[in-house]
Amino acid sequence: MSKLFLTTDQQSFERYQNQMIAYGEVYTNASKELVNLDVKGYKAENLINGGFLEKFHQYHKAEHAQPEWERLKISYLKYLYLKELNVEKLEALEAEHERILALEFKLYETNDSFFSFSENRASRDSSYQKALTFAPEKLTYKVFDFLSFKGNTAKVKIPKKPFEVHALNKLQIDLLQDVSDYVAASSKLGLEYRDVLKVVEDYVKWTDGRPTGLSYDLKTIEFSYNKILNQKL
């Protein structure tokens, strides 16, 4: 691991995982819906290329051509009506599949959360424009770069590297240590929380417009890495 490695943005990583799990449900649900429509033999792993409706009609047109139906001389639409086969849910799942195919995810090779944040802030804060000059390559992924199936079981594999948080230089490592040392020393000296917070609030996590990353007992610090990585550049 790099000496500049700080942490992993686990929240963003898990958000991507949960997204992929949700997309995977489209294919397991399509498999179940085909069974509900009397079409058996398709697992999610067979459905990632879509064609849910095509598979449905392929099967039932073959059934409609069987002698017991052929002799009734009824249309295919009448056959579907008599069998009470409603494809609305399958149509909706097919539309969701088409949407999934079109999705793209652009992730920086490392520090994705910071550099994405910097992109959004750069037009309002020129300091983040400088930060973007340190940005690595941005890679483009599709859903099935992250998602695969074995039968009806979804397997999600997302690269951890984009979600790793690395300092951009040694000075930032020193800054983190300096802030930690200052808070630890302040705690030993019995300094007031509010006085210590005034010094370190630019480096700690904020929630709902106020600094929340320093505990009242001065024992715990949650850093704002988006702010730290924009220092000492």
Protein backbone atom coordinates (compact mmCIF):
# COMPACT_ATOMS: atom_id res chain seq x y z
CA MET A 1 0.00 0.00 0.00
CA SER A 2 1.25 3.48 -0.87
CA LYS A 3 2.68 5.58 1.97
CA LEU A 4 0.19 8.25 0.86
CA PHE A 5 -2.83 5.95 1.37
CA LEU A 6 -5.21 7.42 3.94
CA THR A 7 -8.47 5.47 3.95
CA THR A 8 -11.18 3.95 1.76
CA ASP A 9 -14.38 5.79 0.92
CA GLN A 10 -16.47 2.84 2.10
CA GLN A 11 -19.77 4.71 1.86
CA SER A 12 -19.34 5.40 -1.86
CA PHE A 13 -18.06 1.89 -2.49
CA GLU A 14 -21.10 0.37 -0.80
CA ARG A 15 -23.42 2.73 -2.68
CA TYR A 16 -22.09 1.33 -5.96
CA GLN A 17 -22.45 -2.22 -4.63
CA ASN A 18 -26.07 -1.62 -3.65
CA GLN A 19 -26.78 -0.04 -7.04
CA MET A 20 -25.47 -3.11 -8.83
CA ILE A 21 -27.47 -5.43 -6.58
CA ALA A 22 -30.60 -3.45 -7.49
CA TYR A 23 -29.81 -3.71 -11.21
CA GLY A 24 -29.24 -7.45 -10.77
CA GLU A 25 -32.79 -7.83 -9.46
CA VAL A 26 -34.08 -6.87 -12.90
CA TYR A 27 -32.66 -10.11 -14.31
CA THR A 28 -33.68 -12.37 -11.43
CA ASN A 29 -37.17 -10.86 -11.60
CA ALA A 30 -37.26 -11.43 -15.37
CA SER A 31 -36.35 -15.08 -14.78
CA LYS A 32 -39.16 -15.43 -12.23
CA GLU A 33 -41.64 -13.62 -14.46
CA LEU A 34 -40.88 -15.92 -17.39
CA VAL A 35 -41.65 -18.88 -15.12
CA ASN A 36 -44.94 -17.17 -14.12
CA LEU A 37 -45.68 -16.95 -17.86
CA ASP A 38 -45.02 -20.69 -18.33
CA VAL A 39 -41.58 -20.14 -19.89
CA LYS A 40 -39.06 -22.25 -17.99
CA GLY A 41 -35.33 -22.80 -18.28
CA TYR A 42 -34.04 -19.22 -18.15
CA LYS A 43 -31.91 -18.03 -15.27
CA ALA A 44 -30.65 -14.49 -14.81
CA GLU A 45 -27.31 -15.50 -16.34
CA ASN A 46 -29.17 -16.31 -19.60
CA LEU A 47 -30.93 -12.94 -19.66
CA ILE A 48 -28.18 -10.31 -19.42
CA ASN A 49 -28.47 -9.68 -23.18
CA GLY A 50 -32.18 -8.96 -22.85
CA GLY A 51 -34.72 -10.43 -25.25
CA PHE A 52 -37.19 -11.26 -22.47
CA LEU A 53 -40.23 -10.72 -24.70
CA GLU A 54 -38.60 -12.51 -27.62
CA LYS A 55 -38.02 -15.59 -25.45
CA PHE A 56 -41.62 -15.42 -24.23
CA HIS A 57 -43.09 -15.21 -27.74
CA GLN A 58 -40.69 -17.80 -29.14
CA TYR A 59 -41.89 -20.32 -26.59
CA HIS A 60 -45.61 -19.55 -26.85
CA LYS A 61 -45.68 -19.37 -30.63
CA ALA A 62 -44.26 -22.87 -30.61
CA GLU A 63 -46.98 -23.89 -28.15
CA HIS A 64 -49.64 -22.21 -30.27
CA ALA A 65 -48.50 -24.32 -33.22
CA GLN A 66 -49.05 -27.59 -31.31
CA PRO A 67 -51.90 -29.81 -32.61
CA GLU A 68 -54.17 -29.25 -29.58
CA TRP A 69 -54.16 -25.52 -30.28
CA GLU A 70 -53.81 -25.70 -34.05
CA ARG A 71 -57.10 -27.55 -34.44
CA LEU A 72 -58.94 -24.76 -32.60
CA LYS A 73 -58.02 -22.38 -35.46
CA ILE A 74 -57.58 -19.40 -33.14
CA SER A 75 -55.14 -16.51 -33.50
CA TYR A 76 -51.99 -16.23 -31.45
CA LEU A 77 -53.45 -13.20 -29.65
CA LYS A 78 -56.56 -15.22 -28.79
CA TYR A 79 -54.32 -18.02 -27.52
CA LEU A 80 -52.55 -15.55 -25.19
CA TYR A 81 -55.92 -14.24 -23.99
CA LEU A 82 -57.27 -17.71 -23.25
CA LYS A 83 -54.12 -18.60 -21.34
CA GLU A 84 -54.36 -15.29 -19.41
CA LEU A 85 -50.78 -14.38 -20.24
CA ASN A 86 -50.14 -10.71 -19.43
CA VAL A 87 -46.72 -9.45 -20.49
CA GLU A 88 -46.89 -5.93 -18.99
CA LYS A 89 -44.47 -6.74 -16.17
CA LEU A 90 -42.08 -8.45 -18.60
CA GLU A 91 -42.26 -5.40 -20.90
CA ALA A 92 -41.37 -3.12 -17.97
CA LEU A 93 -38.40 -5.33 -17.06
CA GLU A 94 -37.23 -5.29 -20.68
CA ALA A 95 -37.40 -1.48 -20.70
CA GLU A 96 -35.37 -1.40 -17.46
CA HIS A 97 -32.79 -3.70 -19.09
CA GLU A 98 -32.44 -1.28 -22.01
CA ARG A 99 -31.91 1.59 -19.55
CA ILE A 100 -29.27 -0.40 -17.70
CA LEU A 101 -27.39 -1.15 -20.91
CA ALA A 102 -27.08 2.57 -21.63
CA LEU A 103 -25.67 3.48 -18.22
CA GLU A 104 -22.05 4.58 -17.87
CA PHE A 105 -20.04 5.15 -14.72
CA LYS A 106 -17.00 7.40 -14.89
CA LEU A 107 -14.54 6.94 -12.03
CA TYR A 108 -11.14 8.43 -11.43
CA GLU A 109 -8.47 5.76 -10.99
CA THR A 110 -7.98 6.88 -7.37
CA ASN A 111 -9.48 9.57 -5.13
CA ASP A 112 -12.70 9.54 -7.14
CA SER A 113 -14.74 11.20 -4.39
CA PHE A 114 -12.25 14.06 -4.04
CA PHE A 115 -11.71 14.75 -7.72
CA SER A 116 -15.44 14.48 -8.47
CA PHE A 117 -16.04 16.94 -5.63
CA SER A 118 -13.34 19.20 -7.07
CA GLU A 119 -15.02 19.16 -10.50
CA ASN A 120 -18.25 20.38 -8.93
CA ARG A 121 -16.55 23.06 -6.84
CA ALA A 122 -13.99 24.34 -9.35
CA SER A 123 -16.34 26.87 -10.98
CA ARG A 124 -16.98 28.48 -7.55
CA ASP A 125 -13.63 27.96 -5.87
CA SER A 126 -10.48 28.39 -7.96
CA SER A 127 -8.39 26.45 -5.45
CA TYR A 128 -10.09 23.28 -6.63
CA GLN A 129 -9.05 24.03 -10.21
CA LYS A 130 -5.45 23.56 -9.08
CA ALA A 131 -6.40 20.29 -7.36
CA LEU A 132 -7.75 18.96 -10.65
CA THR A 133 -4.31 19.25 -12.21
CA PHE A 134 -3.36 16.29 -9.99
CA ALA A 135 -6.28 14.18 -11.17
CA PRO A 136 -5.49 10.75 -12.63
CA GLU A 137 -7.25 9.25 -15.64
CA LYS A 138 -11.01 8.87 -15.47
CA LEU A 139 -12.18 5.39 -16.53
CA THR A 140 -15.59 4.51 -17.98
CA TYR A 141 -17.45 1.40 -16.82
CA LYS A 142 -20.71 -0.29 -17.80
CA VAL A 143 -22.99 -2.19 -15.43
CA PHE A 144 -21.75 -5.58 -16.59
CA ASP A 145 -18.18 -4.60 -15.84
CA PHE A 146 -19.32 -4.80 -12.21
CA LEU A 147 -22.15 -7.35 -12.33
CA SER A 148 -22.28 -11.00 -13.33
CA PHE A 149 -24.45 -14.03 -12.52
CA LYS A 150 -24.13 -17.67 -11.73
CA GLY A 151 -27.61 -19.04 -12.25
CA ASN A 152 -29.86 -16.57 -10.46
CA THR A 153 -27.16 -15.47 -8.02
CA ALA A 154 -25.74 -12.01 -8.62
CA LYS A 155 -22.00 -11.48 -8.21
CA VAL A 156 -20.86 -7.87 -7.75
CA LYS A 157 -17.20 -7.06 -8.20
CA ILE A 158 -16.26 -3.38 -8.06
CA PRO A 159 -12.62 -2.25 -8.13
CA LYS A 160 -11.58 -0.77 -4.80
CA LYS A 161 -8.89 1.52 -6.26
CA PRO A 162 -11.18 4.42 -7.31
CA PHE A 163 -12.54 4.54 -3.77
CA GLU A 164 -9.14 4.67 -2.09
CA VAL A 165 -8.23 8.06 -0.64
CA HIS A 166 -4.57 8.98 -1.09
CA ALA A 167 -2.78 12.15 -0.02
CA LEU A 168 -1.41 14.01 -3.02
CA ASN A 169 1.92 14.72 -1.33
CA LYS A 170 3.85 14.22 1.89
CA LEU A 171 2.91 17.70 3.16
CA GLN A 172 -0.70 16.58 3.45
CA ILE A 173 0.36 13.59 5.53
CA ASP A 174 2.24 16.00 7.78
CA LEU A 175 -0.82 18.25 8.02
CA LEU A 176 -2.99 15.36 9.21
CA GLN A 177 -0.39 14.48 11.82
CA ASP A 178 -0.06 18.09 12.95
CA VAL A 179 -3.82 18.43 13.45
CA SER A 180 -3.96 15.12 15.34
CA ASP A 181 -1.01 16.14 17.53
CA TYR A 182 -2.57 19.54 18.24
CA VAL A 183 -5.88 18.01 19.32
CA ALA A 184 -4.11 15.40 21.48
CA ALA A 185 -1.99 18.10 23.16
CA SER A 186 -5.03 20.33 23.67
CA SER A 187 -6.84 17.45 25.36
CA LYS A 188 -3.92 16.89 27.75
CA LEU A 189 -3.78 20.61 28.54
CA GLY A 190 -7.50 20.70 29.27
CA LEU A 191 -8.32 23.27 26.57
CA GLU A 192 -11.97 23.99 25.80
CA TYR A 193 -13.64 22.15 22.92
CA ARG A 194 -14.86 25.38 21.29
CA ASP A 195 -11.37 26.88 21.27
CA VAL A 196 -9.79 23.80 19.74
CA LEU A 197 -12.58 23.54 17.16
CA LYS A 198 -11.91 27.10 15.95
CA VAL A 199 -8.38 26.02 15.01
CA VAL A 200 -9.21 22.72 13.30
CA GLU A 201 -12.69 23.26 11.87
CA ASP A 202 -11.31 23.74 8.34
CA TYR A 203 -9.94 20.20 8.42
CA VAL A 204 -12.74 18.16 10.01
CA LYS A 205 -16.00 16.73 8.73
CA TRP A 206 -19.02 19.03 8.48
CA THR A 207 -22.68 17.99 8.66
CA ASP A 208 -25.65 20.24 7.87
CA GLY A 209 -23.47 23.32 7.72
CA ARG A 210 -21.57 22.85 10.98
CA PRO A 211 -18.34 21.09 11.97
CA THR A 212 -19.09 17.69 13.51
CA GLY A 213 -15.80 15.86 13.02
CA LEU A 214 -14.30 16.67 16.42
CA SER A 215 -15.72 14.92 19.47
CA TYR A 216 -16.50 17.02 22.54
CA ASP A 217 -13.98 15.09 24.61
CA LEU A 218 -11.28 15.78 21.97
CA LYS A 219 -10.62 12.03 21.65
CA THR A 220 -11.91 11.47 18.10
CA ILE A 221 -11.32 13.31 14.83
CA GLU A 222 -13.18 12.66 11.57
CA PHE A 223 -11.25 14.45 8.87
CA SER A 224 -12.77 16.05 5.79
CA TYR A 225 -10.49 14.53 3.17
CA ASN A 226 -12.02 16.73 0.49
CA LYS A 227 -10.61 19.72 2.40
CA ILE A 228 -7.32 18.09 3.41
CA LEU A 229 -6.52 17.07 -0.18
CA ASN A 230 -7.01 20.66 -1.30
CA GLN A 231 -4.26 21.91 1.06
CA LYS A 232 -0.51 22.24 0.55
CA LEU A 233 -0.66 21.72 -3.23
